[in-house]
Amino acid sequence: IDHLDMSKYVLGPKDPDAPPIYRLFGVSEHAGMTANSGHYTATVRNSKDSRWYRYNDAHVGETTGDATVTGGAYVLFYKRVKGEARWAGLEKAMASREIDPHGALETDQDGFKKVKTKARKKGR
């Protein structure tokens, strides 16, 4: 749960300053027969002390990382361990090849990018 390495699954460029390695920080769990019925709980890692806490309605208790992912895990939340890479590093790779990753936006004399807006439909 502390070192999900997705390197071998990334087909495009990889940013060495932000490798695709992730750390689990939260789990949403569901108990019940359908998504419309049952009970949801959450387990979250505190970002300051790295301790795990389980939230169940009005009750909060400390737990361990090993007890976090159960058969009822519904959604797992991960954060990149090191650095930041928008679009999995593609933005940086495009910029290094002098390709504007934002669609060839024009820049004015003050350095601001001109944003193209979508045409509005009449009647709105």
C-alpha atoms as a PDB file:
ATOM      1  CA  ILE A   1       0.000   0.000   0.000  1.00  0.00           C
ATOM      2  CA  ASP A   2       2.988   2.301   0.348  1.00  0.00           C
ATOM      3  CA  HIS A   3       4.680   1.682  -2.996  1.00  0.00           C
ATOM      4  CA  LEU A   4       2.379   1.093  -5.975  1.00  0.00           C
ATOM      5  CA  ASP A   5       4.837   1.216  -8.874  1.00  0.00           C
ATOM      6  CA  MET A   6       3.031   1.714 -12.196  1.00  0.00           C
ATOM      7  CA  SER A   7       6.239   2.241 -14.223  1.00  0.00           C
ATOM      8  CA  LYS A   8       5.892  -0.865 -16.357  1.00  0.00           C
ATOM      9  CA  TYR A   9       2.324   0.126 -17.299  1.00  0.00           C
ATOM     10  CA  VAL A  10       3.131   3.676 -18.449  1.00  0.00           C
ATOM     11  CA  LEU A  11       3.627   3.589 -22.214  1.00  0.00           C
ATOM     12  CA  GLY A  12       4.443   7.252 -22.775  1.00  0.00           C
ATOM     13  CA  PRO A  13       7.261   9.395 -21.418  1.00  0.00           C
ATOM     14  CA  LYS A  14       8.120   9.144 -17.731  1.00  0.00           C
ATOM     15  CA  ASP A  15       9.219  12.190 -15.768  1.00  0.00           C
ATOM     16  CA  PRO A  16      12.231  11.191 -13.608  1.00  0.00           C
ATOM     17  CA  ASP A  17      11.320  14.018 -11.206  1.00  0.00           C
ATOM     18  CA  ALA A  18       7.847  12.491 -10.720  1.00  0.00           C
ATOM     19  CA  PRO A  19       7.978   8.727 -11.269  1.00  0.00           C
ATOM     20  CA  PRO A  20       4.655   6.855 -11.440  1.00  0.00           C
ATOM     21  CA  ILE A  21       4.936   5.476  -7.910  1.00  0.00           C
ATOM     22  CA  TYR A  22       1.993   5.996  -5.580  1.00  0.00           C
ATOM     23  CA  ARG A  23       1.105   5.740  -1.897  1.00  0.00           C
ATOM     24  CA  LEU A  24      -2.360   4.783  -0.678  1.00  0.00           C
ATOM     25  CA  PHE A  25      -3.983   7.452   1.496  1.00  0.00           C
ATOM     26  CA  GLY A  26      -7.648   6.505   1.564  1.00  0.00           C
ATOM     27  CA  VAL A  27     -10.163   3.740   1.009  1.00  0.00           C
ATOM     28  CA  SER A  28     -13.913   3.971   0.644  1.00  0.00           C
ATOM     29  CA  GLU A  29     -15.654   0.739   1.601  1.00  0.00           C
ATOM     30  CA  HIS A  30     -19.158  -0.563   0.989  1.00  0.00           C
ATOM     31  CA  ALA A  31     -21.052  -3.293   2.793  1.00  0.00           C
ATOM     32  CA  GLY A  32     -24.383  -4.382   1.325  1.00  0.00           C
ATOM     33  CA  MET A  33     -26.018  -5.997  -1.665  1.00  0.00           C
ATOM     34  CA  THR A  34     -26.198  -2.989  -4.038  1.00  0.00           C
ATOM     35  CA  ALA A  35     -24.681   0.481  -4.347  1.00  0.00           C
ATOM     36  CA  ASN A  36     -28.099   1.931  -3.504  1.00  0.00           C
ATOM     37  CA  SER A  37     -28.347   0.059  -0.231  1.00  0.00           C
ATOM     38  CA  GLY A  38     -25.915  -0.907   2.452  1.00  0.00           C
ATOM     39  CA  HIS A  39     -23.388   1.074   4.400  1.00  0.00           C
ATOM     40  CA  TYR A  40     -20.303   3.090   3.433  1.00  0.00           C
ATOM     41  CA  THR A  41     -17.244   3.627   5.609  1.00  0.00           C
ATOM     42  CA  ALA A  42     -13.845   5.201   4.965  1.00  0.00           C
ATOM     43  CA  THR A  43     -10.297   4.603   6.110  1.00  0.00           C
ATOM     44  CA  VAL A  44      -7.839   7.474   5.685  1.00  0.00           C
ATOM     45  CA  ARG A  45      -4.158   8.082   6.385  1.00  0.00           C
ATOM     46  CA  ASN A  46      -3.432  11.280   8.304  1.00  0.00           C
ATOM     47  CA  SER A  47      -1.062  13.379   6.177  1.00  0.00           C
ATOM     48  CA  LYS A  48       0.760  14.787   9.221  1.00  0.00           C
ATOM     49  CA  ASP A  49       1.479  11.678  11.291  1.00  0.00           C
ATOM     50  CA  SER A  50       0.838   8.890   8.680  1.00  0.00           C
ATOM     51  CA  ARG A  51      -1.468   7.052  11.097  1.00  0.00           C
ATOM     52  CA  TRP A  52      -4.607   5.366   9.746  1.00  0.00           C
ATOM     53  CA  TYR A  53      -8.129   6.211  10.935  1.00  0.00           C
ATOM     54  CA  ARG A  54     -11.398   4.424  10.230  1.00  0.00           C
ATOM     55  CA  TYR A  55     -14.547   6.547   9.872  1.00  0.00           C
ATOM     56  CA  ASN A  56     -17.887   4.846  10.452  1.00  0.00           C
ATOM     57  CA  ASP A  57     -20.770   7.304  10.816  1.00  0.00           C
ATOM     58  CA  ALA A  58     -20.046   9.330  13.957  1.00  0.00           C
ATOM     59  CA  HIS A  59     -17.316   6.950  15.152  1.00  0.00           C
ATOM     60  CA  VAL A  60     -13.626   7.409  14.405  1.00  0.00           C
ATOM     61  CA  GLY A  61     -10.948   5.002  15.529  1.00  0.00           C
ATOM     62  CA  GLU A  62      -7.309   4.345  14.823  1.00  0.00           C
ATOM     63  CA  THR A  63      -6.426   1.297  12.727  1.00  0.00           C
ATOM     64  CA  THR A  64      -3.422  -0.088  10.849  1.00  0.00           C
ATOM     65  CA  GLY A  65      -2.441   0.129   7.210  1.00  0.00           C
ATOM     66  CA  ASP A  66      -2.616  -3.651   6.887  1.00  0.00           C
ATOM     67  CA  ALA A  67      -6.292  -3.610   7.898  1.00  0.00           C
ATOM     68  CA  THR A  68      -7.129  -0.836   5.422  1.00  0.00           C
ATOM     69  CA  VAL A  69      -7.854  -2.726   2.209  1.00  0.00           C
ATOM     70  CA  THR A  70     -10.569  -5.303   2.716  1.00  0.00           C
ATOM     71  CA  GLY A  71     -12.949  -7.233   0.468  1.00  0.00           C
ATOM     72  CA  GLY A  72     -15.360  -4.319   0.837  1.00  0.00           C
ATOM     73  CA  ALA A  73     -12.933  -1.808  -0.684  1.00  0.00           C
ATOM     74  CA  TYR A  74     -14.911   0.233  -3.203  1.00  0.00           C
ATOM     75  CA  VAL A  75     -12.563   3.083  -4.199  1.00  0.00           C
ATOM     76  CA  LEU A  76      -8.848   3.398  -3.406  1.00  0.00           C
ATOM     77  CA  PHE A  77      -7.192   6.840  -3.321  1.00  0.00           C
ATOM     78  CA  TYR A  78      -3.504   7.214  -4.161  1.00  0.00           C
ATOM     79  CA  LYS A  79      -1.081  10.140  -4.183  1.00  0.00           C
ATOM     80  CA  ARG A  80       2.130  10.318  -6.192  1.00  0.00           C
ATOM     81  CA  VAL A  81       5.076   9.724  -3.824  1.00  0.00           C
ATOM     82  CA  LYS A  82       7.491  12.204  -5.420  1.00  0.00           C
ATOM     83  CA  GLY A  83       6.906  15.321  -7.488  1.00  0.00           C
ATOM     84  CA  GLU A  84       3.995  16.272  -9.682  1.00  0.00           C
ATOM     85  CA  ALA A  85       3.352  15.320 -13.275  1.00  0.00           C
ATOM     86  CA  ARG A  86       0.295  16.518 -15.081  1.00  0.00           C
ATOM     87  CA  TRP A  87      -0.875  14.111 -17.775  1.00  0.00           C
ATOM     88  CA  ALA A  88       1.619  11.521 -16.482  1.00  0.00           C
ATOM     89  CA  GLY A  89       4.594  13.601 -17.645  1.00  0.00           C
ATOM     90  CA  LEU A  90       3.341  14.173 -21.179  1.00  0.00           C
ATOM     91  CA  GLU A  91       3.146  17.951 -20.640  1.00  0.00           C
ATOM     92  CA  LYS A  92       6.862  18.146 -19.767  1.00  0.00           C
ATOM     93  CA  ALA A  93       7.838  15.886 -22.675  1.00  0.00           C
ATOM     94  CA  MET A  94       5.869  18.005 -25.153  1.00  0.00           C
ATOM     95  CA  ALA A  95       7.353  21.256 -23.820  1.00  0.00           C
ATOM     96  CA  SER A  96      10.887  19.836 -24.164  1.00  0.00           C
ATOM     97  CA  ARG A  97      10.147  19.311 -27.869  1.00  0.00           C
ATOM     98  CA  GLU A  98       8.743  22.861 -28.147  1.00  0.00           C
ATOM     99  CA  ILE A  99       5.189  21.572 -28.611  1.00  0.00           C
ATOM    100  CA  ASP A 100       2.520  23.560 -26.771  1.00  0.00           C
ATOM    101  CA  PRO A 101       0.615  20.954 -24.709  1.00  0.00           C
ATOM    102  CA  HIS A 102      -2.274  23.390 -24.361  1.00  0.00           C
ATOM    103  CA  GLY A 103      -3.163  23.544 -28.034  1.00  0.00           C
ATOM    104  CA  ALA A 104      -0.952  26.283 -29.465  1.00  0.00           C
ATOM    105  CA  LEU A 105      -2.318  29.107 -27.342  1.00  0.00           C
ATOM    106  CA  GLU A 106      -1.128  32.550 -28.285  1.00  0.00           C
ATOM    107  CA  THR A 107       0.809  34.621 -25.739  1.00  0.00           C
ATOM    108  CA  ASP A 108       0.406  38.411 -25.599  1.00  0.00           C
ATOM    109  CA  GLN A 109       3.217  40.943 -25.022  1.00  0.00           C
ATOM    110  CA  ASP A 110       2.785  40.658 -21.228  1.00  0.00           C
ATOM    111  CA  GLY A 111       3.232  36.891 -21.235  1.00  0.00           C
ATOM    112  CA  PHE A 112      -0.430  35.997 -20.727  1.00  0.00           C
ATOM    113  CA  LYS A 113      -1.948  33.175 -22.746  1.00  0.00           C
ATOM    114  CA  LYS A 114      -5.022  33.978 -24.787  1.00  0.00           C
ATOM    115  CA  VAL A 115      -7.754  31.499 -23.978  1.00  0.00           C
ATOM    116  CA  LYS A 116     -10.074  30.409 -26.737  1.00  0.00           C
ATOM    117  CA  THR A 117     -13.699  30.176 -25.667  1.00  0.00           C
ATOM    118  CA  LYS A 118     -16.384  27.981 -27.102  1.00  0.00           C
ATOM    119  CA  ALA A 119     -19.128  29.686 -29.087  1.00  0.00           C
ATOM    120  CA  ARG A 120     -22.304  30.005 -27.076  1.00  0.00           C
ATOM    121  CA  LYS A 121     -25.523  28.639 -28.432  1.00  0.00           C
ATOM    122  CA  LYS A 122     -28.230  31.190 -29.077  1.00  0.00           C
ATOM    123  CA  GLY A 123     -31.082  31.257 -26.611  1.00  0.00           C
ATOM    124  CA  ARG A 124     -29.013  30.824 -23.462  1.00  0.00           C
END
